[in-house]
Amino acid sequence: MGAEAERPHTRPEARPEARPGIGRLQWVLAVGAPAAAVPGLLHGLDSHYGGFFVLTVVPLALPPLLGRFPKVFAQACVVIALALVSWSVIGAVIAMYVFLPSAALLLLAAAPGPAGRLRSGAYPAVKAPPVR
């Protein structure tokens, strides 16, 4: 009774499964997307279309900032990746295809964590009907 009375304000430590947010691998992939875009950005800055390259890289900074909100993180990753893929195809004439690896990293970041559970909870990979 004496040990419990001395520390009334302590909480039990949270389990790693109970912590909010995304997995470490998802965060690393989301941070890797802007890093993978740097060579493409440097390639495009010395052309007449440098502004297009800068505006293409700016949205890539958003998903790593949303790590505490798993559903919003996954949705932002998917939306930005799909927009980046379509913009890369449309802008292939001015070499926008250099941003395709960043789009692939964002799509991978929206996937479930390494433990196989959907920490993000936004996009399950396969939803199979129940077997009778």
C-alpha atoms as a PDB file:
ATOM      1  CA  MET A   1       0.000   0.000   0.000  1.00  0.00           C
ATOM      2  CA  GLY A   2       2.874   2.352   0.709  1.00  0.00           C
ATOM      3  CA  ALA A   3       4.430   1.944  -2.748  1.00  0.00           C
ATOM      4  CA  GLU A   4       1.125   2.704  -4.462  1.00  0.00           C
ATOM      5  CA  ALA A   5       0.496   5.755  -2.304  1.00  0.00           C
ATOM      6  CA  GLU A   6       3.869   7.271  -3.198  1.00  0.00           C
ATOM      7  CA  ARG A   7       3.232   7.363  -6.958  1.00  0.00           C
ATOM      8  CA  PRO A   8      -0.454   8.097  -7.533  1.00  0.00           C
ATOM      9  CA  HIS A   9       0.032   9.851 -10.888  1.00  0.00           C
ATOM     10  CA  THR A  10       1.919   7.164 -12.787  1.00  0.00           C
ATOM     11  CA  ARG A  11       0.305   5.439 -15.740  1.00  0.00           C
ATOM     12  CA  PRO A  12       1.134   1.995 -17.041  1.00  0.00           C
ATOM     13  CA  GLU A  13       3.301   2.164 -20.139  1.00  0.00           C
ATOM     14  CA  ALA A  14       1.404   1.850 -23.386  1.00  0.00           C
ATOM     15  CA  ARG A  15       2.036  -1.156 -25.556  1.00  0.00           C
ATOM     16  CA  PRO A  16       3.575  -0.466 -28.989  1.00  0.00           C
ATOM     17  CA  GLU A  17       0.371  -1.733 -30.634  1.00  0.00           C
ATOM     18  CA  ALA A  18      -1.696   0.823 -28.751  1.00  0.00           C
ATOM     19  CA  ARG A  19       0.225   3.912 -29.809  1.00  0.00           C
ATOM     20  CA  PRO A  20      -1.514   6.138 -32.322  1.00  0.00           C
ATOM     21  CA  GLY A  21      -0.020   6.921 -35.670  1.00  0.00           C
ATOM     22  CA  ILE A  22       1.540   5.108 -38.564  1.00  0.00           C
ATOM     23  CA  GLY A  23       4.262   2.480 -38.585  1.00  0.00           C
ATOM     24  CA  ARG A  24       7.926   3.337 -38.837  1.00  0.00           C
ATOM     25  CA  LEU A  25       8.254   1.770 -42.293  1.00  0.00           C
ATOM     26  CA  GLN A  26       5.302   3.796 -43.576  1.00  0.00           C
ATOM     27  CA  TRP A  27       6.872   6.995 -42.287  1.00  0.00           C
ATOM     28  CA  VAL A  28      10.259   6.144 -43.827  1.00  0.00           C
ATOM     29  CA  LEU A  29       8.626   5.500 -47.207  1.00  0.00           C
ATOM     30  CA  ALA A  30       6.709   8.794 -46.982  1.00  0.00           C
ATOM     31  CA  VAL A  31       9.916  10.680 -46.187  1.00  0.00           C
ATOM     32  CA  GLY A  32      11.702   8.854 -48.998  1.00  0.00           C
ATOM     33  CA  ALA A  33       9.259  10.169 -51.592  1.00  0.00           C
ATOM     34  CA  PRO A  34      10.456  13.797 -51.461  1.00  0.00           C
ATOM     35  CA  ALA A  35      14.042  12.568 -51.189  1.00  0.00           C
ATOM     36  CA  ALA A  36      13.598  10.523 -54.359  1.00  0.00           C
ATOM     37  CA  ALA A  37      12.240  13.608 -56.124  1.00  0.00           C
ATOM     38  CA  VAL A  38      15.336  15.740 -55.485  1.00  0.00           C
ATOM     39  CA  PRO A  39      17.338  14.484 -58.516  1.00  0.00           C
ATOM     40  CA  GLY A  40      14.353  15.116 -60.777  1.00  0.00           C
ATOM     41  CA  LEU A  41      13.901  18.562 -59.289  1.00  0.00           C
ATOM     42  CA  LEU A  42      17.554  19.423 -59.839  1.00  0.00           C
ATOM     43  CA  HIS A  43      17.302  18.119 -63.398  1.00  0.00           C
ATOM     44  CA  GLY A  44      14.310  20.318 -64.164  1.00  0.00           C
ATOM     45  CA  LEU A  45      15.425  23.519 -62.478  1.00  0.00           C
ATOM     46  CA  ASP A  46      17.845  24.414 -65.241  1.00  0.00           C
ATOM     47  CA  SER A  47      15.158  24.287 -67.932  1.00  0.00           C
ATOM     48  CA  HIS A  48      12.448  26.751 -68.911  1.00  0.00           C
ATOM     49  CA  TYR A  49       9.929  24.623 -67.017  1.00  0.00           C
ATOM     50  CA  GLY A  50      11.600  24.810 -63.607  1.00  0.00           C
ATOM     51  CA  GLY A  51       8.465  26.197 -61.964  1.00  0.00           C
ATOM     52  CA  PHE A  52       6.504  23.088 -62.942  1.00  0.00           C
ATOM     53  CA  PHE A  53       9.131  20.905 -61.291  1.00  0.00           C
ATOM     54  CA  VAL A  54       9.035  22.944 -58.074  1.00  0.00           C
ATOM     55  CA  LEU A  55       5.224  22.858 -57.942  1.00  0.00           C
ATOM     56  CA  THR A  56       5.321  19.106 -58.493  1.00  0.00           C
ATOM     57  CA  VAL A  57       7.601  18.509 -55.491  1.00  0.00           C
ATOM     58  CA  VAL A  58       5.754  20.766 -53.011  1.00  0.00           C
ATOM     59  CA  PRO A  59       2.822  18.383 -52.246  1.00  0.00           C
ATOM     60  CA  LEU A  60       5.265  15.560 -51.461  1.00  0.00           C
ATOM     61  CA  ALA A  61       6.071  17.231 -48.135  1.00  0.00           C
ATOM     62  CA  LEU A  62       2.526  16.770 -46.803  1.00  0.00           C
ATOM     63  CA  PRO A  63       2.251  13.018 -45.983  1.00  0.00           C
ATOM     64  CA  PRO A  64       5.161  12.854 -43.493  1.00  0.00           C
ATOM     65  CA  LEU A  65       3.517  15.659 -41.524  1.00  0.00           C
ATOM     66  CA  LEU A  66       0.299  13.641 -41.167  1.00  0.00           C
ATOM     67  CA  GLY A  67       1.857  10.689 -39.351  1.00  0.00           C
ATOM     68  CA  ARG A  68      -0.324  11.049 -36.245  1.00  0.00           C
ATOM     69  CA  PHE A  69      -3.526  10.694 -38.275  1.00  0.00           C
ATOM     70  CA  PRO A  70      -3.331   7.271 -39.985  1.00  0.00           C
ATOM     71  CA  LYS A  71      -6.458   7.485 -42.152  1.00  0.00           C
ATOM     72  CA  VAL A  72      -5.677  10.979 -43.379  1.00  0.00           C
ATOM     73  CA  PHE A  73      -2.063   9.910 -43.975  1.00  0.00           C
ATOM     74  CA  ALA A  74      -3.122   6.981 -46.167  1.00  0.00           C
ATOM     75  CA  GLN A  75      -5.646   9.068 -48.071  1.00  0.00           C
ATOM     76  CA  ALA A  76      -3.113  11.844 -48.689  1.00  0.00           C
ATOM     77  CA  CYS A  77      -0.519   9.320 -49.878  1.00  0.00           C
ATOM     78  CA  VAL A  78      -2.915   7.733 -52.357  1.00  0.00           C
ATOM     79  CA  VAL A  79      -4.331  11.017 -53.685  1.00  0.00           C
ATOM     80  CA  ILE A  80      -0.919  12.641 -54.114  1.00  0.00           C
ATOM     81  CA  ALA A  81       0.554   9.497 -55.691  1.00  0.00           C
ATOM     82  CA  LEU A  82      -2.274   9.154 -58.212  1.00  0.00           C
ATOM     83  CA  ALA A  83      -2.093  12.841 -59.074  1.00  0.00           C
ATOM     84  CA  LEU A  84       1.660  12.508 -59.481  1.00  0.00           C
ATOM     85  CA  VAL A  85       1.310   9.504 -61.790  1.00  0.00           C
ATOM     86  CA  SER A  86      -1.204  11.291 -63.991  1.00  0.00           C
ATOM     87  CA  TRP A  87       0.904  14.465 -64.009  1.00  0.00           C
ATOM     88  CA  SER A  88       3.984  12.390 -64.929  1.00  0.00           C
ATOM     89  CA  VAL A  89       2.170  10.878 -67.903  1.00  0.00           C
ATOM     90  CA  ILE A  90       0.769  14.227 -69.044  1.00  0.00           C
ATOM     91  CA  GLY A  91       4.098  16.002 -68.591  1.00  0.00           C
ATOM     92  CA  ALA A  92       6.244  13.262 -70.122  1.00  0.00           C
ATOM     93  CA  VAL A  93       7.271  15.648 -72.887  1.00  0.00           C
ATOM     94  CA  ILE A  94       9.079  17.880 -70.369  1.00  0.00           C
ATOM     95  CA  ALA A  95      10.527  14.893 -68.411  1.00  0.00           C
ATOM     96  CA  MET A  96       8.013  14.794 -65.550  1.00  0.00           C
ATOM     97  CA  TYR A  97       8.365  10.997 -65.565  1.00  0.00           C
ATOM     98  CA  VAL A  98      11.320  11.412 -63.191  1.00  0.00           C
ATOM     99  CA  PHE A  99       8.768  11.684 -60.358  1.00  0.00           C
ATOM    100  CA  LEU A 100       7.325   8.177 -60.861  1.00  0.00           C
ATOM    101  CA  PRO A 101       9.567   6.616 -58.155  1.00  0.00           C
ATOM    102  CA  SER A 102       8.174   9.123 -55.648  1.00  0.00           C
ATOM    103  CA  ALA A 103       4.646   8.098 -56.576  1.00  0.00           C
ATOM    104  CA  ALA A 104       5.532   4.432 -56.077  1.00  0.00           C
ATOM    105  CA  LEU A 105       6.992   5.174 -52.629  1.00  0.00           C
ATOM    106  CA  LEU A 106       3.833   7.026 -51.610  1.00  0.00           C
ATOM    107  CA  LEU A 107       1.635   4.148 -52.741  1.00  0.00           C
ATOM    108  CA  LEU A 108       3.766   1.754 -50.705  1.00  0.00           C
ATOM    109  CA  ALA A 109       3.550   4.078 -47.694  1.00  0.00           C
ATOM    110  CA  ALA A 110      -0.251   3.876 -47.793  1.00  0.00           C
ATOM    111  CA  ALA A 111      -0.117   0.066 -47.512  1.00  0.00           C
ATOM    112  CA  PRO A 112      -0.436  -1.799 -44.198  1.00  0.00           C
ATOM    113  CA  GLY A 113       2.472  -1.966 -41.804  1.00  0.00           C
ATOM    114  CA  PRO A 114       4.996  -4.824 -41.637  1.00  0.00           C
ATOM    115  CA  ALA A 115       2.983  -6.698 -38.982  1.00  0.00           C
ATOM    116  CA  GLY A 116       0.188  -7.250 -41.516  1.00  0.00           C
ATOM    117  CA  ARG A 117      -2.461  -5.298 -39.667  1.00  0.00           C
ATOM    118  CA  LEU A 118      -4.014  -2.183 -41.116  1.00  0.00           C
ATOM    119  CA  ARG A 119      -2.672   0.544 -38.897  1.00  0.00           C
ATOM    120  CA  SER A 120      -3.828   3.137 -41.378  1.00  0.00           C
ATOM    121  CA  GLY A 121      -7.236   1.506 -41.734  1.00  0.00           C
ATOM    122  CA  ALA A 122      -8.048   3.375 -44.917  1.00  0.00           C
ATOM    123  CA  TYR A 123      -7.374   1.012 -47.805  1.00  0.00           C
ATOM    124  CA  PRO A 124      -7.415  -2.754 -47.216  1.00  0.00           C
ATOM    125  CA  ALA A 125      -5.514  -4.586 -49.931  1.00  0.00           C
ATOM    126  CA  VAL A 126      -8.046  -7.366 -50.557  1.00  0.00           C
ATOM    127  CA  LYS A 127     -11.598  -7.602 -49.297  1.00  0.00           C
ATOM    128  CA  ALA A 128     -12.749 -11.142 -49.983  1.00  0.00           C
ATOM    129  CA  PRO A 129     -16.366 -12.209 -49.522  1.00  0.00           C
ATOM    130  CA  PRO A 130     -16.996 -14.727 -46.732  1.00  0.00           C
ATOM    131  CA  VAL A 131     -16.855 -18.388 -47.724  1.00  0.00           C
ATOM    132  CA  ARG A 132     -19.942 -20.475 -46.908  1.00  0.00           C
END
